[in-house]
């Protein structure tokens, strides 16, 4: 979760921390998570899981972006 939280925040920062860029940053982080699961399907001993993307990676990105947006509104 922490890795995808940091990835989403990095994407958002690259977009200038604009409101609309937050959702695009989330989308890019989730798409990267999907590509990572696809990659895992080709690695022996690793198993891809849609629940990894839907729960851990998705929520890590969402929570980080939400917290950062709340913090930026207050500052």
PDB file of N, CA and C in Angstrom:
ATOM      1  N   UNK A   1       0.817  -1.194   0.000  1.00  0.00           N
ATOM      2  CA  UNK A   1       0.000   0.000   0.000  1.00  0.00           C
ATOM      3  C   UNK A   1       0.863   1.261   0.000  1.00  0.00           C
ATOM      4  N   UNK A   2       1.944   1.225   0.756  1.00  0.00           N
ATOM      5  CA  UNK A   2       2.788   2.413   0.869  1.00  0.00           C
ATOM      6  C   UNK A   2       3.451   2.739  -0.473  1.00  0.00           C
ATOM      7  N   UNK A   3       3.873   1.717  -1.185  1.00  0.00           N
ATOM      8  CA  UNK A   3       4.504   1.946  -2.478  1.00  0.00           C
ATOM      9  C   UNK A   3       3.566   2.618  -3.472  1.00  0.00           C
ATOM     10  N   UNK A   4       2.328   2.157  -3.519  1.00  0.00           N
ATOM     11  CA  UNK A   4       1.371   2.753  -4.450  1.00  0.00           C
ATOM     12  C   UNK A   4       0.872   4.109  -3.954  1.00  0.00           C
ATOM     13  N   UNK A   5       0.895   4.313  -2.651  1.00  0.00           N
ATOM     14  CA  UNK A   5       0.586   5.642  -2.111  1.00  0.00           C
ATOM     15  C   UNK A   5       1.641   6.637  -2.573  1.00  0.00           C
ATOM     16  N   UNK A   6       2.894   6.253  -2.474  1.00  0.00           N
ATOM     17  CA  UNK A   6       3.978   7.136  -2.894  1.00  0.00           C
ATOM     18  C   UNK A   6       3.967   7.351  -4.407  1.00  0.00           C
ATOM     19  N   UNK A   7       3.636   6.309  -5.162  1.00  0.00           N
ATOM     20  CA  UNK A   7       3.565   6.437  -6.615  1.00  0.00           C
ATOM     21  C   UNK A   7       2.470   7.416  -7.016  1.00  0.00           C
ATOM     22  N   UNK A   8       1.287   7.287  -6.418  1.00  0.00           N
ATOM     23  CA  UNK A   8       0.175   8.189  -6.736  1.00  0.00           C
ATOM     24  C   UNK A   8       0.519   9.630  -6.360  1.00  0.00           C
ATOM     25  N   UNK A   9       1.140   9.821  -5.205  1.00  0.00           N
ATOM     26  CA  UNK A   9       1.536  11.177  -4.804  1.00  0.00           C
ATOM     27  C   UNK A   9       2.582  11.755  -5.751  1.00  0.00           C
ATOM     28  N   UNK A  10       3.481  10.919  -6.220  1.00  0.00           N
ATOM     29  CA  UNK A  10       4.494  11.378  -7.170  1.00  0.00           C
ATOM     30  C   UNK A  10       3.853  11.803  -8.485  1.00  0.00           C
ATOM     31  N   UNK A  11       2.906  11.002  -8.965  1.00  0.00           N
ATOM     32  CA  UNK A  11       2.189  11.369 -10.186  1.00  0.00           C
ATOM     33  C   UNK A  11       1.461  12.700  -9.991  1.00  0.00           C
ATOM     34  N   UNK A  12       0.758  12.833  -8.859  1.00  0.00           N
ATOM     35  CA  UNK A  12      -0.007  14.058  -8.611  1.00  0.00           C
ATOM     36  C   UNK A  12       0.920  15.273  -8.542  1.00  0.00           C
ATOM     37  N   UNK A  13       2.047  15.093  -7.914  1.00  0.00           N
ATOM     38  CA  UNK A  13       3.024  16.183  -7.827  1.00  0.00           C
ATOM     39  C   UNK A  13       3.525  16.561  -9.222  1.00  0.00           C
ATOM     40  N   UNK A  14       3.712  15.560 -10.072  1.00  0.00           N
ATOM     41  CA  UNK A  14       4.165  15.826 -11.442  1.00  0.00           C
ATOM     42  C   UNK A  14       3.126  16.618 -12.236  1.00  0.00           C
ATOM     43  N   UNK A  15       1.853  16.480 -11.878  1.00  0.00           N
ATOM     44  CA  UNK A  15       0.775  17.218 -12.546  1.00  0.00           C
ATOM     45  C   UNK A  15       0.521  18.569 -11.890  1.00  0.00           C
ATOM     46  N   UNK A  16       1.396  18.987 -11.023  1.00  0.00           N
ATOM     47  CA  UNK A  16       1.274  20.301 -10.401  1.00  0.00           C
ATOM     48  C   UNK A  16       0.275  20.354  -9.264  1.00  0.00           C
ATOM     49  N   UNK A  17      -0.094  19.200  -8.732  1.00  0.00           N
ATOM     50  CA  UNK A  17      -1.025  19.077  -7.603  1.00  0.00           C
ATOM     51  C   UNK A  17      -2.354  19.774  -7.891  1.00  0.00           C
ATOM     52  N   UNK A  18      -2.789  19.755  -9.135  1.00  0.00           N
ATOM     53  CA  UNK A  18      -4.082  20.325  -9.503  1.00  0.00           C
ATOM     54  C   UNK A  18      -5.181  19.327  -9.168  1.00  0.00           C
ATOM     55  N   UNK A  19      -6.375  19.854  -8.935  1.00  0.00           N
ATOM     56  CA  UNK A  19      -7.505  19.018  -8.524  1.00  0.00           C
ATOM     57  C   UNK A  19      -7.787  17.909  -9.541  1.00  0.00           C
ATOM     58  N   UNK A  20      -7.873  18.248 -10.817  1.00  0.00           N
ATOM     59  CA  UNK A  20      -8.159  17.247 -11.840  1.00  0.00           C
ATOM     60  C   UNK A  20      -7.039  16.241 -12.003  1.00  0.00           C
ATOM     61  N   UNK A  21      -5.829  16.643 -11.731  1.00  0.00           N
ATOM     62  CA  UNK A  21      -4.687  15.756 -11.847  1.00  0.00           C
ATOM     63  C   UNK A  21      -4.673  14.665 -10.801  1.00  0.00           C
ATOM     64  N   UNK A  22      -5.386  14.891  -9.709  1.00  0.00           N
ATOM     65  CA  UNK A  22      -5.434  13.885  -8.639  1.00  0.00           C
ATOM     66  C   UNK A  22      -6.064  12.597  -9.138  1.00  0.00           C
ATOM     67  N   UNK A  23      -7.156  12.700  -9.873  1.00  0.00           N
ATOM     68  CA  UNK A  23      -7.827  11.488 -10.363  1.00  0.00           C
ATOM     69  C   UNK A  23      -7.020  10.810 -11.451  1.00  0.00           C
ATOM     70  N   UNK A  24      -6.322  11.592 -12.263  1.00  0.00           N
ATOM     71  CA  UNK A  24      -5.461  11.012 -13.282  1.00  0.00           C
ATOM     72  C   UNK A  24      -4.278  10.297 -12.622  1.00  0.00           C
ATOM     73  N   UNK A  25      -3.760  10.864 -11.536  1.00  0.00           N
ATOM     74  CA  UNK A  25      -2.673  10.226 -10.791  1.00  0.00           C
ATOM     75  C   UNK A  25      -3.141   8.899 -10.212  1.00  0.00           C
ATOM     76  N   UNK A  26      -4.364   8.865  -9.685  1.00  0.00           N
ATOM     77  CA  UNK A  26      -4.922   7.622  -9.154  1.00  0.00           C
ATOM     78  C   UNK A  26      -5.051   6.584 -10.270  1.00  0.00           C
ATOM     79  N   UNK A  27      -5.568   7.002 -11.424  1.00  0.00           N
ATOM     80  CA  UNK A  27      -5.745   6.087 -12.551  1.00  0.00           C
ATOM     81  C   UNK A  27      -4.409   5.509 -13.005  1.00  0.00           C
ATOM     82  N   UNK A  28      -3.389   6.344 -13.117  1.00  0.00           N
ATOM     83  CA  UNK A  28      -2.075   5.851 -13.521  1.00  0.00           C
ATOM     84  C   UNK A  28      -1.499   4.866 -12.502  1.00  0.00           C
ATOM     85  N   UNK A  29      -1.700   5.124 -11.232  1.00  0.00           N
ATOM     86  CA  UNK A  29      -1.203   4.210 -10.195  1.00  0.00           C
ATOM     87  C   UNK A  29      -1.915   2.865 -10.275  1.00  0.00           C
ATOM     88  N   UNK A  30      -3.224   2.885 -10.501  1.00  0.00           N
ATOM     89  CA  UNK A  30      -3.977   1.632 -10.607  1.00  0.00           C
ATOM     90  C   UNK A  30      -3.594   0.885 -11.882  1.00  0.00           C
ATOM     91  N   UNK A  31      -3.409   1.593 -12.978  1.00  0.00           N
ATOM     92  CA  UNK A  31      -2.975   0.934 -14.213  1.00  0.00           C
ATOM     93  C   UNK A  31      -1.592   0.305 -14.048  1.00  0.00           C
ATOM     94  N   UNK A  32      -0.728   0.965 -13.309  1.00  0.00           N
ATOM     95  CA  UNK A  32       0.586   0.385 -13.035  1.00  0.00           C
ATOM     96  C   UNK A  32       0.436  -0.878 -12.182  1.00  0.00           C
ATOM     97  N   UNK A  33      -0.489  -0.844 -11.229  1.00  0.00           N
ATOM     98  CA  UNK A  33      -0.733  -2.027 -10.390  1.00  0.00           C
ATOM     99  C   UNK A  33      -1.230  -3.197 -11.238  1.00  0.00           C
ATOM    100  N   UNK A  34      -2.097  -2.915 -12.192  1.00  0.00           N
ATOM    101  CA  UNK A  34      -2.593  -3.964 -13.091  1.00  0.00           C
ATOM    102  C   UNK A  34      -1.440  -4.536 -13.909  1.00  0.00           C
ATOM    103  N   UNK A  35      -0.583  -3.666 -14.426  1.00  0.00           N
ATOM    104  CA  UNK A  35       0.555  -4.151 -15.217  1.00  0.00           C
ATOM    105  C   UNK A  35       1.519  -4.967 -14.350  1.00  0.00           C
ATOM    106  N   UNK A  36       1.659  -4.615 -13.095  1.00  0.00           N
ATOM    107  CA  UNK A  36       2.516  -5.374 -12.184  1.00  0.00           C
ATOM    108  C   UNK A  36       1.949  -6.765 -11.939  1.00  0.00           C
ATOM    109  N   UNK A  37       0.638  -6.855 -11.776  1.00  0.00           N
ATOM    110  CA  UNK A  37       0.009  -8.174 -11.596  1.00  0.00           C
ATOM    111  C   UNK A  37       0.156  -9.022 -12.859  1.00  0.00           C
ATOM    112  N   UNK A  38       0.055  -8.403 -14.018  1.00  0.00           N
ATOM    113  CA  UNK A  38       0.256  -9.120 -15.275  1.00  0.00           C
ATOM    114  C   UNK A  38       1.690  -9.645 -15.344  1.00  0.00           C
ATOM    115  N   UNK A  39       2.636  -8.818 -14.952  1.00  0.00           N
ATOM    116  CA  UNK A  39       4.039  -9.245 -14.929  1.00  0.00           C
ATOM    117  C   UNK A  39       4.231 -10.425 -13.989  1.00  0.00           C
ATOM    118  N   UNK A  40       3.567 -10.418 -12.834  1.00  0.00           N
ATOM    119  CA  UNK A  40       3.700 -11.505 -11.866  1.00  0.00           C
ATOM    120  C   UNK A  40       3.222 -12.830 -12.436  1.00  0.00           C
ATOM    121  N   UNK A  41       2.292 -12.794 -13.392  1.00  0.00           N
ATOM    122  CA  UNK A  41       1.785 -14.044 -13.964  1.00  0.00           C
ATOM    123  C   UNK A  41       2.863 -14.768 -14.762  1.00  0.00           C
ATOM    124  N   UNK A  42       3.919 -14.087 -15.161  1.00  0.00           N
ATOM    125  CA  UNK A  42       5.003 -14.699 -15.920  1.00  0.00           C
ATOM    126  C   UNK A  42       6.200 -15.085 -15.055  1.00  0.00           C
ATOM    127  N   UNK A  43       6.164 -14.751 -13.784  1.00  0.00           N
ATOM    128  CA  UNK A  43       7.288 -15.032 -12.890  1.00  0.00           C
ATOM    129  C   UNK A  43       6.994 -16.317 -12.105  1.00  0.00           C
ATOM    130  N   UNK A  44       7.867 -17.318 -12.225  1.00  0.00           N
ATOM    131  CA  UNK A  44       7.646 -18.563 -11.479  1.00  0.00           C
ATOM    132  C   UNK A  44       7.596 -18.312  -9.970  1.00  0.00           C
ATOM    133  N   UNK A  45       6.641 -18.928  -9.321  1.00  0.00           N
ATOM    134  CA  UNK A  45       6.491 -18.784  -7.881  1.00  0.00           C
ATOM    135  C   UNK A  45       5.661 -17.591  -7.446  1.00  0.00           C
ATOM    136  N   UNK A  46       5.295 -16.735  -8.382  1.00  0.00           N
ATOM    137  CA  UNK A  46       4.455 -15.570  -8.071  1.00  0.00           C
ATOM    138  C   UNK A  46       3.081 -15.808  -8.670  1.00  0.00           C
ATOM    139  N   UNK A  47       2.074 -15.303  -8.010  1.00  0.00           N
ATOM    140  CA  UNK A  47       0.707 -15.483  -8.480  1.00  0.00           C
ATOM    141  C   UNK A  47       0.018 -14.125  -8.544  1.00  0.00           C
ATOM    142  N   UNK A  48      -0.552 -13.788  -9.686  1.00  0.00           N
ATOM    143  CA  UNK A  48      -1.272 -12.514  -9.795  1.00  0.00           C
ATOM    144  C   UNK A  48      -2.585 -12.588  -9.033  1.00  0.00           C
ATOM    145  N   UNK A  49      -3.030 -11.457  -8.543  1.00  0.00           N
ATOM    146  CA  UNK A  49      -4.299 -11.411  -7.826  1.00  0.00           C
ATOM    147  C   UNK A  49      -5.009 -10.090  -8.052  1.00  0.00           C
ATOM    148  N   UNK A  50      -6.219 -10.178  -8.535  1.00  0.00           N
ATOM    149  CA  UNK A  50      -6.999  -8.955  -8.762  1.00  0.00           C
ATOM    150  C   UNK A  50      -7.302  -8.261  -7.443  1.00  0.00           C
ATOM    151  N   UNK A  51      -7.364  -9.034  -6.360  1.00  0.00           N
ATOM    152  CA  UNK A  51      -7.666  -8.431  -5.057  1.00  0.00           C
ATOM    153  C   UNK A  51      -6.515  -7.547  -4.589  1.00  0.00           C
ATOM    154  N   UNK A  52      -5.297  -7.883  -4.990  1.00  0.00           N
ATOM    155  CA  UNK A  52      -4.162  -7.004  -4.678  1.00  0.00           C
ATOM    156  C   UNK A  52      -4.388  -5.615  -5.261  1.00  0.00           C
ATOM    157  N   UNK A  53      -4.829  -5.589  -6.511  1.00  0.00           N
ATOM    158  CA  UNK A  53      -5.066  -4.309  -7.183  1.00  0.00           C
ATOM    159  C   UNK A  53      -6.256  -3.599  -6.569  1.00  0.00           C
ATOM    160  N   UNK A  54      -7.369  -4.323  -6.405  1.00  0.00           N
ATOM    161  CA  UNK A  54      -8.611  -3.697  -5.943  1.00  0.00           C
ATOM    162  C   UNK A  54      -8.561  -3.241  -4.495  1.00  0.00           C
ATOM    163  N   UNK A  55      -7.847  -3.960  -3.669  1.00  0.00           N
ATOM    164  CA  UNK A  55      -7.855  -3.610  -2.245  1.00  0.00           C
ATOM    165  C   UNK A  55      -6.591  -2.842  -1.858  1.00  0.00           C
ATOM    166  N   UNK A  56      -5.459  -3.484  -1.939  1.00  0.00           N
ATOM    167  CA  UNK A  56      -4.250  -2.888  -1.369  1.00  0.00           C
ATOM    168  C   UNK A  56      -3.711  -1.733  -2.205  1.00  0.00           C
ATOM    169  N   UNK A  57      -3.486  -1.969  -3.479  1.00  0.00           N
ATOM    170  CA  UNK A  57      -2.876  -0.933  -4.316  1.00  0.00           C
ATOM    171  C   UNK A  57      -3.826   0.245  -4.516  1.00  0.00           C
ATOM    172  N   UNK A  58      -5.074  -0.048  -4.810  1.00  0.00           N
ATOM    173  CA  UNK A  58      -6.089   0.982  -5.027  1.00  0.00           C
ATOM    174  C   UNK A  58      -6.286   1.839  -3.776  1.00  0.00           C
ATOM    175  N   UNK A  59      -6.484   1.198  -2.646  1.00  0.00           N
ATOM    176  CA  UNK A  59      -6.725   1.958  -1.419  1.00  0.00           C
ATOM    177  C   UNK A  59      -5.481   2.715  -0.961  1.00  0.00           C
ATOM    178  N   UNK A  60      -4.302   2.157  -1.198  1.00  0.00           N
ATOM    179  CA  UNK A  60      -3.086   2.888  -0.862  1.00  0.00           C
ATOM    180  C   UNK A  60      -3.006   4.203  -1.621  1.00  0.00           C
ATOM    181  N   UNK A  61      -3.304   4.141  -2.922  1.00  0.00           N
ATOM    182  CA  UNK A  61      -3.281   5.353  -3.747  1.00  0.00           C
ATOM    183  C   UNK A  61      -4.396   6.311  -3.338  1.00  0.00           C
ATOM    184  N   UNK A  62      -5.601   5.796  -3.140  1.00  0.00           N
ATOM    185  CA  UNK A  62      -6.740   6.657  -2.780  1.00  0.00           C
ATOM    186  C   UNK A  62      -6.543   7.359  -1.445  1.00  0.00           C
ATOM    187  N   UNK A  63      -6.122   6.609  -0.455  1.00  0.00           N
ATOM    188  CA  UNK A  63      -5.949   7.188   0.884  1.00  0.00           C
ATOM    189  C   UNK A  63      -4.871   8.267   0.873  1.00  0.00           C
ATOM    190  N   UNK A  64      -3.757   7.987   0.203  1.00  0.00           N
ATOM    191  CA  UNK A  64      -2.673   8.975   0.147  1.00  0.00           C
ATOM    192  C   UNK A  64      -3.116  10.247  -0.565  1.00  0.00           C
ATOM    193  N   UNK A  65      -3.817  10.092  -1.686  1.00  0.00           N
ATOM    194  CA  UNK A  65      -4.276  11.267  -2.430  1.00  0.00           C
ATOM    195  C   UNK A  65      -5.319  12.048  -1.633  1.00  0.00           C
ATOM    196  N   UNK A  66      -6.190  11.342  -0.932  1.00  0.00           N
ATOM    197  CA  UNK A  66      -7.200  12.019  -0.116  1.00  0.00           C
ATOM    198  C   UNK A  66      -6.539  12.795   1.020  1.00  0.00           C
ATOM    199  N   UNK A  67      -5.609  12.133   1.726  1.00  0.00           N
ATOM    200  CA  UNK A  67      -4.929  12.812   2.831  1.00  0.00           C
ATOM    201  C   UNK A  67      -4.144  14.022   2.336  1.00  0.00           C
ATOM    202  N   UNK A  68      -3.469  13.883   1.206  1.00  0.00           N
ATOM    203  CA  UNK A  68      -2.690  14.991   0.668  1.00  0.00           C
ATOM    204  C   UNK A  68      -3.603  16.132   0.241  1.00  0.00           C
ATOM    205  N   UNK A  69      -4.765  15.824  -0.333  1.00  0.00           N
ATOM    206  CA  UNK A  69      -5.677  16.889  -0.742  1.00  0.00           C
ATOM    207  C   UNK A  69      -6.274  17.606   0.466  1.00  0.00           C
ATOM    208  N   UNK A  70      -6.554  16.873   1.540  1.00  0.00           N
ATOM    209  CA  UNK A  70      -7.051  17.485   2.772  1.00  0.00           C
ATOM    210  C   UNK A  70      -5.985  18.390   3.376  1.00  0.00           C
ATOM    211  N   UNK A  71      -4.756  17.921   3.362  1.00  0.00           N
ATOM    212  CA  UNK A  71      -3.662  18.700   3.913  1.00  0.00           C
ATOM    213  C   UNK A  71      -3.426  19.964   3.095  1.00  0.00           C
ATOM    214  N   UNK A  72      -3.497  19.834   1.767  1.00  0.00           N
ATOM    215  CA  UNK A  72      -3.255  21.020   0.917  1.00  0.00           C
ATOM    216  C   UNK A  72      -4.384  22.041   1.026  1.00  0.00           C
ATOM    217  N   UNK A  73      -5.605  21.596   1.321  1.00  0.00           N
ATOM    218  CA  UNK A  73      -6.717  22.533   1.511  1.00  0.00           C
ATOM    219  C   UNK A  73      -6.543  23.359   2.781  1.00  0.00           C
ATOM    220  N   UNK A  74      -5.949  22.745   3.788  1.00  0.00           N
ATOM    221  CA  UNK A  74      -5.777  23.423   5.080  1.00  0.00           C
ATOM    222  C   UNK A  74      -4.552  24.322   5.117  1.00  0.00           C
ATOM    223  N   UNK A  75      -3.692  24.218   4.122  1.00  0.00           N
ATOM    224  CA  UNK A  75      -2.472  25.046   4.116  1.00  0.00           C
ATOM    225  C   UNK A  75      -2.509  26.080   3.049  1.00  0.00           C
TER     226      UNK A  75
END
